[in-house]
Amino acid sequence: MKEKFLELFKEVFEMEDEEVNFEDNFRDLDTWDSLTHLSLIAMLDDEYDVQIEEEELKKLHTVNDIFEKANT
C-alpha cells in the first residue's frame, strides 16, 4: 500500500527518479507549486476517494501526513 502511494506521489510531484521518504516535508520539495498542489488534491480524490479542503491540506506537512489522510 505504501509503495503504491509513493509511486503516485512521485508521479504527481514529477519525481519518478528521485528518492522520497515519508518523513519529508512535501512543501519543501523543489516541485511543490500551485499546479502540484491541485494535482495532489486530484490524485487523492481519484485514487483514494478522499476529498480534502484547503484548510485541511494546510495542516498536513509530511508525505506520511498525506498517506494517512489518503487511508482514513
Protein backbone atom coordinates (compact mmCIF):
# COMPACT_ATOMS: atom_id res chain seq x y z
CA MET A 1 0.00 0.00 0.00
CA LYS A 2 2.80 2.42 0.90
CA GLU A 3 4.74 1.59 -2.26
CA LYS A 4 1.73 2.32 -4.47
CA PHE A 5 1.15 5.61 -2.65
CA LEU A 6 4.79 6.64 -3.10
CA GLU A 7 4.59 5.86 -6.82
CA LEU A 8 1.53 8.07 -7.19
CA PHE A 9 3.04 10.79 -5.02
CA LYS A 10 6.25 10.83 -7.05
CA GLU A 11 4.24 10.96 -10.26
CA VAL A 12 2.27 13.98 -9.03
CA PHE A 13 5.48 15.70 -7.94
CA GLU A 14 7.27 14.66 -11.16
CA MET A 15 9.99 12.96 -9.14
CA GLU A 16 9.96 9.44 -10.58
CA ASP A 17 13.76 9.15 -10.46
CA GLU A 18 14.26 10.76 -7.04
CA GLU A 19 14.09 9.40 -3.53
CA VAL A 20 11.13 10.40 -1.37
CA ASN A 21 10.69 9.48 2.28
CA PHE A 22 7.56 9.51 4.38
CA GLU A 23 9.26 11.93 6.78
CA ASP A 24 9.91 14.52 4.04
CA ASN A 25 8.05 17.80 4.24
CA PHE A 26 6.33 17.85 0.85
CA ARG A 27 6.16 21.66 0.83
CA ASP A 28 9.98 21.77 0.85
CA LEU A 29 10.26 19.71 -2.33
CA ASP A 30 11.52 21.65 -5.36
CA THR A 31 8.49 20.74 -7.46
CA TRP A 32 5.89 21.99 -4.94
CA ASP A 33 3.85 24.74 -6.58
CA SER A 34 0.22 25.61 -7.22
CA LEU A 35 -0.10 23.07 -10.06
CA THR A 36 1.35 20.28 -7.90
CA HIS A 37 -0.99 21.37 -5.12
CA LEU A 38 -4.01 20.88 -7.41
CA SER A 39 -2.62 17.63 -8.81
CA LEU A 40 -2.19 16.27 -5.28
CA ILE A 41 -5.80 17.08 -4.43
CA ALA A 42 -6.95 15.43 -7.67
CA MET A 43 -4.83 12.31 -7.02
CA LEU A 44 -6.31 11.91 -3.53
CA ASP A 45 -9.81 12.22 -4.96
CA ASP A 46 -9.25 9.92 -7.96
CA GLU A 47 -7.16 7.20 -6.35
CA TYR A 48 -8.41 7.21 -2.75
CA ASP A 49 -11.84 8.84 -2.99
CA VAL A 50 -10.69 11.42 -0.43
CA GLN A 51 -11.85 14.99 -0.83
CA ILE A 52 -9.60 17.41 1.01
CA GLU A 53 -10.36 21.04 1.71
CA GLU A 54 -7.76 23.78 1.55
CA GLU A 55 -7.77 24.35 5.31
CA GLU A 56 -7.29 20.65 5.92
CA LEU A 57 -4.37 20.45 3.49
CA LYS A 58 -2.67 23.35 5.28
CA LYS A 59 -2.49 21.16 8.40
CA LEU A 60 -0.57 18.42 6.57
CA HIS A 61 3.21 18.70 6.35
CA THR A 62 4.89 15.38 5.65
CA VAL A 63 4.43 12.76 2.97
CA ASN A 64 3.22 10.48 5.75
CA ASP A 65 0.53 13.01 6.73
CA ILE A 66 -0.85 12.78 3.20
CA PHE A 67 -0.57 8.97 3.23
CA GLU A 68 -2.53 8.79 6.47
CA LYS A 69 -5.18 11.16 5.10
CA ALA A 70 -5.48 9.04 1.96
CA ASN A 71 -6.06 5.93 4.05
CA THR A 72 -8.65 7.21 6.51
